[in-house]
Amino acid sequence: MFICICNAITERQVREAVAGGAHTMSDLQAQLGVASCCGCCSDTASEYLPGGRQAAYPAVHDMVETIEAAANDTALPPGFTEVVARRA
């Protein structure tokens, strides 16, 4: 999901920046350029900072386990399927 449309910054990039040590909105602006254009994404981006609403939730792609097909299951092609979930 895009957090900042102006600078094409995704949720994954924001989470990685926070995991890498970004603790303030200024840190996110310096590392990613988030909220440096129109500023509409500032509130959403700040939710991923420590203490924010999204900080306690891991990214969905981090929670998905890879499940191997059964030996007799030939209907499914081998490979990885990514599941995307949106939180309201």
PDB file of N, CA and C in Angstrom:
ATOM      1  N   MET A   1       0.843  -1.172   0.000  1.00  0.00           N
ATOM      2  CA  MET A   1       0.000   0.000   0.000  1.00  0.00           C
ATOM      3  C   MET A   1       0.895   1.243   0.000  1.00  0.00           C
ATOM      4  N   PHE A   2       0.500   2.234  -0.763  1.00  0.00           N
ATOM      5  CA  PHE A   2       1.249   3.484  -0.782  1.00  0.00           C
ATOM      6  C   PHE A   2       0.860   4.344   0.414  1.00  0.00           C
ATOM      7  N   ILE A   3       1.857   4.859   1.087  1.00  0.00           N
ATOM      8  CA  ILE A   3       1.650   5.797   2.188  1.00  0.00           C
ATOM      9  C   ILE A   3       1.727   7.217   1.643  1.00  0.00           C
ATOM     10  N   CYS A   4       2.721   7.471   0.799  1.00  0.00           N
ATOM     11  CA  CYS A   4       2.933   8.797   0.216  1.00  0.00           C
ATOM     12  C   CYS A   4       2.827   8.668  -1.307  1.00  0.00           C
ATOM     13  N   ILE A   5       1.768   9.214  -1.856  1.00  0.00           N
ATOM     14  CA  ILE A   5       1.556   9.146  -3.299  1.00  0.00           C
ATOM     15  C   ILE A   5       2.535  10.063  -4.035  1.00  0.00           C
ATOM     16  N   CYS A   6       2.784  11.243  -3.484  1.00  0.00           N
ATOM     17  CA  CYS A   6       3.664  12.218  -4.153  1.00  0.00           C
ATOM     18  C   CYS A   6       5.053  11.645  -4.426  1.00  0.00           C
ATOM     19  N   ASN A   7       5.584  10.898  -3.445  1.00  0.00           N
ATOM     20  CA  ASN A   7       6.943  10.370  -3.562  1.00  0.00           C
ATOM     21  C   ASN A   7       6.982   8.856  -3.734  1.00  0.00           C
ATOM     22  N   ALA A   8       5.825   8.233  -3.977  1.00  0.00           N
ATOM     23  CA  ALA A   8       5.715   6.785  -4.201  1.00  0.00           C
ATOM     24  C   ALA A   8       6.392   5.982  -3.091  1.00  0.00           C
ATOM     25  N   ILE A   9       6.040   6.287  -1.844  1.00  0.00           N
ATOM     26  CA  ILE A   9       6.614   5.604  -0.686  1.00  0.00           C
ATOM     27  C   ILE A   9       5.580   4.616  -0.161  1.00  0.00           C
ATOM     28  N   THR A  10       6.001   3.363  -0.018  1.00  0.00           N
ATOM     29  CA  THR A  10       5.085   2.303   0.384  1.00  0.00           C
ATOM     30  C   THR A  10       5.130   2.040   1.887  1.00  0.00           C
ATOM     31  N   GLU A  11       4.123   1.302   2.344  1.00  0.00           N
ATOM     32  CA  GLU A  11       4.065   0.881   3.742  1.00  0.00           C
ATOM     33  C   GLU A  11       5.310   0.074   4.098  1.00  0.00           C
ATOM     34  N   ARG A  12       5.731  -0.787   3.200  1.00  0.00           N
ATOM     35  CA  ARG A  12       6.911  -1.618   3.449  1.00  0.00           C
ATOM     36  C   ARG A  12       8.146  -0.745   3.674  1.00  0.00           C
ATOM     37  N   GLN A  13       8.320   0.294   2.866  1.00  0.00           N
ATOM     38  CA  GLN A  13       9.470   1.182   3.035  1.00  0.00           C
ATOM     39  C   GLN A  13       9.421   1.900   4.383  1.00  0.00           C
ATOM     40  N   VAL A  14       8.235   2.340   4.785  1.00  0.00           N
ATOM     41  CA  VAL A  14       8.093   3.025   6.075  1.00  0.00           C
ATOM     42  C   VAL A  14       8.405   2.056   7.207  1.00  0.00           C
ATOM     43  N   ARG A  15       7.868   0.837   7.140  1.00  0.00           N
ATOM     44  CA  ARG A  15       8.144  -0.165   8.178  1.00  0.00           C
ATOM     45  C   ARG A  15       9.639  -0.480   8.254  1.00  0.00           C
ATOM     46  N   GLU A  16      10.289  -0.611   7.106  1.00  0.00           N
ATOM     47  CA  GLU A  16      11.723  -0.897   7.093  1.00  0.00           C
ATOM     48  C   GLU A  16      12.521   0.249   7.693  1.00  0.00           C
ATOM     49  N   ALA A  17      12.128   1.479   7.418  1.00  0.00           N
ATOM     50  CA  ALA A  17      12.819   2.637   7.988  1.00  0.00           C
ATOM     51  C   ALA A  17      12.660   2.664   9.504  1.00  0.00           C
ATOM     52  N   VAL A  18      11.460   2.361   9.989  1.00  0.00           N
ATOM     53  CA  VAL A  18      11.224   2.328  11.437  1.00  0.00           C
ATOM     54  C   VAL A  18      12.024   1.189  12.067  1.00  0.00           C
ATOM     55  N   ALA A  19      12.034   0.027  11.423  1.00  0.00           N
ATOM     56  CA  ALA A  19      12.819  -1.099  11.930  1.00  0.00           C
ATOM     57  C   ALA A  19      14.311  -0.779  11.919  1.00  0.00           C
ATOM     58  N   GLY A  20      14.718   0.078  10.998  1.00  0.00           N
ATOM     59  CA  GLY A  20      16.116   0.473  10.894  1.00  0.00           C
ATOM     60  C   GLY A  20      16.509   1.620  11.811  1.00  0.00           C
ATOM     61  N   GLY A  21      15.559   2.110  12.615  1.00  0.00           N
ATOM     62  CA  GLY A  21      15.917   3.126  13.602  1.00  0.00           C
ATOM     63  C   GLY A  21      15.194   4.453  13.522  1.00  0.00           C
ATOM     64  N   ALA A  22      14.320   4.643  12.563  1.00  0.00           N
ATOM     65  CA  ALA A  22      13.571   5.903  12.490  1.00  0.00           C
ATOM     66  C   ALA A  22      12.581   5.959  13.653  1.00  0.00           C
ATOM     67  N   HIS A  23      12.664   7.020  14.463  1.00  0.00           N
ATOM     68  CA  HIS A  23      11.788   7.147  15.632  1.00  0.00           C
ATOM     69  C   HIS A  23      10.878   8.362  15.561  1.00  0.00           C
ATOM     70  N   THR A  24      11.157   9.274  14.642  1.00  0.00           N
ATOM     71  CA  THR A  24      10.366  10.501  14.545  1.00  0.00           C
ATOM     72  C   THR A  24       9.974  10.746  13.094  1.00  0.00           C
ATOM     73  N   MET A  25       9.039  11.656  12.923  1.00  0.00           N
ATOM     74  CA  MET A  25       8.629  12.031  11.570  1.00  0.00           C
ATOM     75  C   MET A  25       9.804  12.663  10.824  1.00  0.00           C
ATOM     76  N   SER A  26      10.638  13.398  11.526  1.00  0.00           N
ATOM     77  CA  SER A  26      11.828  13.994  10.899  1.00  0.00           C
ATOM     78  C   SER A  26      12.758  12.916  10.359  1.00  0.00           C
ATOM     79  N   ASP A  27      12.876  11.793  11.093  1.00  0.00           N
ATOM     80  CA  ASP A  27      13.698  10.677  10.618  1.00  0.00           C
ATOM     81  C   ASP A  27      13.131  10.109   9.316  1.00  0.00           C
ATOM     82  N   LEU A  28      11.809   9.931   9.269  1.00  0.00           N
ATOM     83  CA  LEU A  28      11.183   9.407   8.047  1.00  0.00           C
ATOM     84  C   LEU A  28      11.341  10.375   6.883  1.00  0.00           C
ATOM     85  N   GLN A  29      11.221  11.661   7.159  1.00  0.00           N
ATOM     86  CA  GLN A  29      11.400  12.662   6.101  1.00  0.00           C
ATOM     87  C   GLN A  29      12.826  12.632   5.571  1.00  0.00           C
ATOM     88  N   ALA A  30      13.798  12.509   6.464  1.00  0.00           N
ATOM     89  CA  ALA A  30      15.201  12.496   6.043  1.00  0.00           C
ATOM     90  C   ALA A  30      15.541  11.232   5.260  1.00  0.00           C
ATOM     91  N   GLN A  31      15.034  10.081   5.714  1.00  0.00           N
ATOM     92  CA  GLN A  31      15.381   8.812   5.075  1.00  0.00           C
ATOM     93  C   GLN A  31      14.602   8.546   3.790  1.00  0.00           C
ATOM     94  N   LEU A  32      13.306   8.894   3.792  1.00  0.00           N
ATOM     95  CA  LEU A  32      12.444   8.515   2.670  1.00  0.00           C
ATOM     96  C   LEU A  32      11.873   9.683   1.877  1.00  0.00           C
ATOM     97  N   GLY A  33      11.793  10.840   2.505  1.00  0.00           N
ATOM     98  CA  GLY A  33      11.157  11.978   1.858  1.00  0.00           C
ATOM     99  C   GLY A  33       9.654  12.010   2.070  1.00  0.00           C
ATOM    100  N   VAL A  34       9.164  11.198   3.008  1.00  0.00           N
ATOM    101  CA  VAL A  34       7.728  11.151   3.277  1.00  0.00           C
ATOM    102  C   VAL A  34       7.260  12.497   3.834  1.00  0.00           C
ATOM    103  N   ALA A  35       6.083  12.932   3.438  1.00  0.00           N
ATOM    104  CA  ALA A  35       5.461  14.192   3.888  1.00  0.00           C
ATOM    105  C   ALA A  35       6.313  15.412   3.568  1.00  0.00           C
ATOM    106  N   SER A  36       7.065  15.339   2.482  1.00  0.00           N
ATOM    107  CA  SER A  36       7.907  16.480   2.105  1.00  0.00           C
ATOM    108  C   SER A  36       7.325  17.277   0.936  1.00  0.00           C
ATOM    109  N   CYS A  37       6.186  16.845   0.432  1.00  0.00           N
ATOM    110  CA  CYS A  37       5.569  17.543  -0.695  1.00  0.00           C
ATOM    111  C   CYS A  37       4.277  18.218  -0.237  1.00  0.00           C
ATOM    112  N   CYS A  38       3.168  17.509  -0.269  1.00  0.00           N
ATOM    113  CA  CYS A  38       1.883  18.113   0.128  1.00  0.00           C
ATOM    114  C   CYS A  38       1.579  17.916   1.607  1.00  0.00           C
ATOM    115  N   GLY A  39       2.169  16.884   2.228  1.00  0.00           N
ATOM    116  CA  GLY A  39       1.975  16.649   3.656  1.00  0.00           C
ATOM    117  C   GLY A  39       0.746  15.842   4.021  1.00  0.00           C
ATOM    118  N   CYS A  40      -0.048  15.436   3.041  1.00  0.00           N
ATOM    119  CA  CYS A  40      -1.274  14.681   3.335  1.00  0.00           C
ATOM    120  C   CYS A  40      -0.993  13.321   3.975  1.00  0.00           C
ATOM    121  N   CYS A  41       0.184  12.773   3.778  1.00  0.00           N
ATOM    122  CA  CYS A  41       0.509  11.448   4.299  1.00  0.00           C
ATOM    123  C   CYS A  41       1.118  11.490   5.699  1.00  0.00           C
ATOM    124  N   SER A  42       1.328  12.656   6.239  1.00  0.00           N
ATOM    125  CA  SER A  42       2.002  12.805   7.525  1.00  0.00           C
ATOM    126  C   SER A  42       1.332  12.015   8.644  1.00  0.00           C
ATOM    127  N   ASP A  43       0.020  12.138   8.772  1.00  0.00           N
ATOM    128  CA  ASP A  43      -0.696  11.425   9.835  1.00  0.00           C
ATOM    129  C   ASP A  43      -0.596   9.914   9.667  1.00  0.00           C
ATOM    130  N   THR A  44      -0.756   9.442   8.441  1.00  0.00           N
ATOM    131  CA  THR A  44      -0.681   8.005   8.190  1.00  0.00           C
ATOM    132  C   THR A  44       0.715   7.478   8.458  1.00  0.00           C
ATOM    133  N   ALA A  45       1.738   8.166   7.984  1.00  0.00           N
ATOM    134  CA  ALA A  45       3.114   7.722   8.199  1.00  0.00           C
ATOM    135  C   ALA A  45       3.459   7.697   9.682  1.00  0.00           C
ATOM    136  N   SER A  46       2.975   8.662  10.438  1.00  0.00           N
ATOM    137  CA  SER A  46       3.299   8.724  11.868  1.00  0.00           C
ATOM    138  C   SER A  46       2.675   7.571  12.646  1.00  0.00           C
ATOM    139  N   GLU A  47       1.642   6.939  12.104  1.00  0.00           N
ATOM    140  CA  GLU A  47       1.038   5.781  12.764  1.00  0.00           C
ATOM    141  C   GLU A  47       1.986   4.590  12.824  1.00  0.00           C
ATOM    142  N   TYR A  48       2.998   4.552  11.977  1.00  0.00           N
ATOM    143  CA  TYR A  48       3.951   3.447  11.940  1.00  0.00           C
ATOM    144  C   TYR A  48       5.149   3.684  12.857  1.00  0.00           C
ATOM    145  N   LEU A  49       5.272   4.871  13.394  1.00  0.00           N
ATOM    146  CA  LEU A  49       6.360   5.185  14.320  1.00  0.00           C
ATOM    147  C   LEU A  49       6.086   4.536  15.673  1.00  0.00           C
ATOM    148  N   PRO A  50       7.125   4.348  16.509  1.00  0.00           N
ATOM    149  CA  PRO A  50       6.913   3.772  17.840  1.00  0.00           C
ATOM    150  C   PRO A  50       5.822   4.537  18.592  1.00  0.00           C
ATOM    151  N   GLY A  51       4.876   3.795  19.152  1.00  0.00           N
ATOM    152  CA  GLY A  51       3.756   4.397  19.861  1.00  0.00           C
ATOM    153  C   GLY A  51       2.559   4.667  18.978  1.00  0.00           C
ATOM    154  N   GLY A  52       2.727   4.519  17.674  1.00  0.00           N
ATOM    155  CA  GLY A  52       1.632   4.754  16.736  1.00  0.00           C
ATOM    156  C   GLY A  52       0.695   3.563  16.642  1.00  0.00           C
ATOM    157  N   ARG A  53      -0.447   3.789  16.037  1.00  0.00           N
ATOM    158  CA  ARG A  53      -1.486   2.766  15.938  1.00  0.00           C
ATOM    159  C   ARG A  53      -1.022   1.516  15.185  1.00  0.00           C
ATOM    160  N   GLN A  54      -0.223   1.664  14.135  1.00  0.00           N
ATOM    161  CA  GLN A  54       0.222   0.527  13.328  1.00  0.00           C
ATOM    162  C   GLN A  54       1.524  -0.094  13.819  1.00  0.00           C
ATOM    163  N   ALA A  55       2.193   0.540  14.768  1.00  0.00           N
ATOM    164  CA  ALA A  55       3.500   0.059  15.223  1.00  0.00           C
ATOM    165  C   ALA A  55       3.420  -1.326  15.848  1.00  0.00           C
ATOM    166  N   ALA A  56       2.312  -1.640  16.487  1.00  0.00           N
ATOM    167  CA  ALA A  56       2.172  -2.921  17.179  1.00  0.00           C
ATOM    168  C   ALA A  56       1.865  -4.078  16.235  1.00  0.00           C
ATOM    169  N   TYR A  57       1.481  -3.782  14.993  1.00  0.00           N
ATOM    170  CA  TYR A  57       1.083  -4.829  14.063  1.00  0.00           C
ATOM    171  C   TYR A  57       2.204  -5.135  13.081  1.00  0.00           C
ATOM    172  N   PRO A  58       2.597  -6.403  12.987  1.00  0.00           N
ATOM    173  CA  PRO A  58       3.597  -6.753  11.972  1.00  0.00           C
ATOM    174  C   PRO A  58       2.966  -6.692  10.585  1.00  0.00           C
ATOM    175  N   ALA A  59       3.789  -6.521   9.590  1.00  0.00           N
ATOM    176  CA  ALA A  59       3.288  -6.527   8.215  1.00  0.00           C
ATOM    177  C   ALA A  59       2.731  -7.912   7.899  1.00  0.00           C
ATOM    178  N   VAL A  60       1.689  -7.973   7.106  1.00  0.00           N
ATOM    179  CA  VAL A  60       1.041  -9.243   6.790  1.00  0.00           C
ATOM    180  C   VAL A  60       2.016 -10.192   6.118  1.00  0.00           C
ATOM    181  N   HIS A  61       2.862  -9.691   5.217  1.00  0.00           N
ATOM    182  CA  HIS A  61       3.786 -10.585   4.515  1.00  0.00           C
ATOM    183  C   HIS A  61       4.794 -11.205   5.467  1.00  0.00           C
ATOM    184  N   ASP A  62       5.009 -10.614   6.662  1.00  0.00           N
ATOM    185  CA  ASP A  62       5.898 -11.201   7.656  1.00  0.00           C
ATOM    186  C   ASP A  62       5.215 -12.335   8.418  1.00  0.00           C
ATOM    187  N   MET A  63       3.884 -12.371   8.413  1.00  0.00           N
ATOM    188  CA  MET A  63       3.142 -13.374   9.167  1.00  0.00           C
ATOM    189  C   MET A  63       2.772 -14.594   8.333  1.00  0.00           C
ATOM    190  N   VAL A  64       2.853 -14.501   7.021  1.00  0.00           N
ATOM    191  CA  VAL A  64       2.439 -15.591   6.144  1.00  0.00           C
ATOM    192  C   VAL A  64       3.511 -16.671   6.130  1.00  0.00           C
ATOM    193  N   GLU A  65       3.083 -17.900   6.359  1.00  0.00           N
ATOM    194  CA  GLU A  65       4.004 -19.028   6.302  1.00  0.00           C
ATOM    195  C   GLU A  65       3.892 -19.688   4.933  1.00  0.00           C
ATOM    196  N   THR A  66       4.980 -20.223   4.470  1.00  0.00           N
ATOM    197  CA  THR A  66       4.958 -20.952   3.212  1.00  0.00           C
ATOM    198  C   THR A  66       4.442 -22.356   3.487  1.00  0.00           C
ATOM    199  N   ILE A  67       3.432 -22.761   2.758  1.00  0.00           N
ATOM    200  CA  ILE A  67       2.831 -24.081   2.940  1.00  0.00           C
ATOM    201  C   ILE A  67       3.128 -24.904   1.697  1.00  0.00           C
ATOM    202  N   GLU A  68       3.707 -26.062   1.913  1.00  0.00           N
ATOM    203  CA  GLU A  68       4.033 -26.927   0.793  1.00  0.00           C
ATOM    204  C   GLU A  68       2.806 -27.746   0.405  1.00  0.00           C
ATOM    205  N   ALA A  69       2.654 -27.970  -0.878  1.00  0.00           N
ATOM    206  CA  ALA A  69       1.539 -28.772  -1.369  1.00  0.00           C
ATOM    207  C   ALA A  69       1.756 -30.228  -0.988  1.00  0.00           C
ATOM    208  N   ALA A  70       0.661 -30.949  -0.810  1.00  0.00           N
ATOM    209  CA  ALA A  70       0.742 -32.377  -0.519  1.00  0.00           C
ATOM    210  C   ALA A  70       1.300 -33.104  -1.735  1.00  0.00           C
ATOM    211  N   ALA A  71       1.894 -34.259  -1.499  1.00  0.00           N
ATOM    212  CA  ALA A  71       2.523 -35.023  -2.572  1.00  0.00           C
ATOM    213  C   ALA A  71       1.524 -35.403  -3.664  1.00  0.00           C
ATOM    214  N   ASN A  72       0.272 -35.612  -3.287  1.00  0.00           N
ATOM    215  CA  ASN A  72      -0.729 -36.025  -4.274  1.00  0.00           C
ATOM    216  C   ASN A  72      -1.521 -34.850  -4.837  1.00  0.00           C
ATOM    217  N   ASP A  73      -1.126 -33.642  -4.543  1.00  0.00           N
ATOM    218  CA  ASP A  73      -1.845 -32.450  -4.993  1.00  0.00           C
ATOM    219  C   ASP A  73      -1.166 -31.891  -6.240  1.00  0.00           C
ATOM    220  N   THR A  74      -1.721 -32.225  -7.407  1.00  0.00           N
ATOM    221  CA  THR A  74      -1.133 -31.751  -8.655  1.00  0.00           C
ATOM    222  C   THR A  74      -1.930 -30.603  -9.258  1.00  0.00           C
ATOM    223  N   ALA A  75      -3.010 -30.215  -8.618  1.00  0.00           N
ATOM    224  CA  ALA A  75      -3.856 -29.154  -9.159  1.00  0.00           C
ATOM    225  C   ALA A  75      -3.232 -27.775  -8.985  1.00  0.00           C
ATOM    226  N   LEU A  76      -2.427 -27.601  -7.969  1.00  0.00           N
ATOM    227  CA  LEU A  76      -1.819 -26.296  -7.709  1.00  0.00           C
ATOM    228  C   LEU A  76      -0.414 -26.231  -8.284  1.00  0.00           C
ATOM    229  N   PRO A  77      -0.108 -25.178  -9.012  1.00  0.00           N
ATOM    230  CA  PRO A  77       1.258 -25.039  -9.513  1.00  0.00           C
ATOM    231  C   PRO A  77       2.190 -24.703  -8.352  1.00  0.00           C
ATOM    232  N   PRO A  78       3.419 -25.202  -8.392  1.00  0.00           N
ATOM    233  CA  PRO A  78       4.355 -24.862  -7.324  1.00  0.00           C
ATOM    234  C   PRO A  78       4.709 -23.382  -7.395  1.00  0.00           C
ATOM    235  N   GLY A  79       5.017 -22.816  -6.267  1.00  0.00           N
ATOM    236  CA  GLY A  79       5.396 -21.406  -6.239  1.00  0.00           C
ATOM    237  C   GLY A  79       4.917 -20.735  -4.981  1.00  0.00           C
ATOM    238  N   PHE A  80       5.077 -19.478  -4.936  1.00  0.00           N
ATOM    239  CA  PHE A  80       4.744 -18.687  -3.755  1.00  0.00           C
ATOM    240  C   PHE A  80       3.527 -17.828  -4.054  1.00  0.00           C
ATOM    241  N   THR A  81       2.613 -17.792  -3.130  1.00  0.00           N
ATOM    242  CA  THR A  81       1.435 -16.946  -3.248  1.00  0.00           C
ATOM    243  C   THR A  81       1.484 -15.906  -2.150  1.00  0.00           C
ATOM    244  N   GLU A  82       1.389 -14.637  -2.508  1.00  0.00           N
ATOM    245  CA  GLU A  82       1.402 -13.565  -1.512  1.00  0.00           C
ATOM    246  C   GLU A  82      -0.034 -13.172  -1.198  1.00  0.00           C
ATOM    247  N   VAL A  83      -0.329 -13.095   0.088  1.00  0.00           N
ATOM    248  CA  VAL A  83      -1.657 -12.706   0.547  1.00  0.00           C
ATOM    249  C   VAL A  83      -1.583 -11.270   1.027  1.00  0.00           C
ATOM    250  N   VAL A  84      -2.510 -10.448   0.557  1.00  0.00           N
ATOM    251  CA  VAL A  84      -2.534  -9.042   0.946  1.00  0.00           C
ATOM    252  C   VAL A  84      -3.810  -8.788   1.726  1.00  0.00           C
ATOM    253  N   ALA A  85      -3.668  -8.164   2.887  1.00  0.00           N
ATOM    254  CA  ALA A  85      -4.833  -7.823   3.705  1.00  0.00           C
ATOM    255  C   ALA A  85      -4.771  -6.345   4.039  1.00  0.00           C
ATOM    256  N   ARG A  86      -5.901  -5.719   4.088  1.00  0.00           N
ATOM    257  CA  ARG A  86      -5.973  -4.301   4.418  1.00  0.00           C
ATOM    258  C   ARG A  86      -6.660  -4.151   5.767  1.00  0.00           C
ATOM    259  N   ARG A  87      -6.126  -3.271   6.579  1.00  0.00           N
ATOM    260  CA  ARG A  87      -6.742  -2.980   7.871  1.00  0.00           C
ATOM    261  C   ARG A  87      -7.540  -1.698   7.757  1.00  0.00           C
ATOM    262  N   ALA A  88      -8.693  -1.673   8.343  1.00  0.00           N
ATOM    263  CA  ALA A  88      -9.534  -0.471   8.304  1.00  0.00           C
ATOM    264  C   ALA A  88      -9.146   0.471   9.418  1.00  0.00           C
TER     265      ALA A  88
END
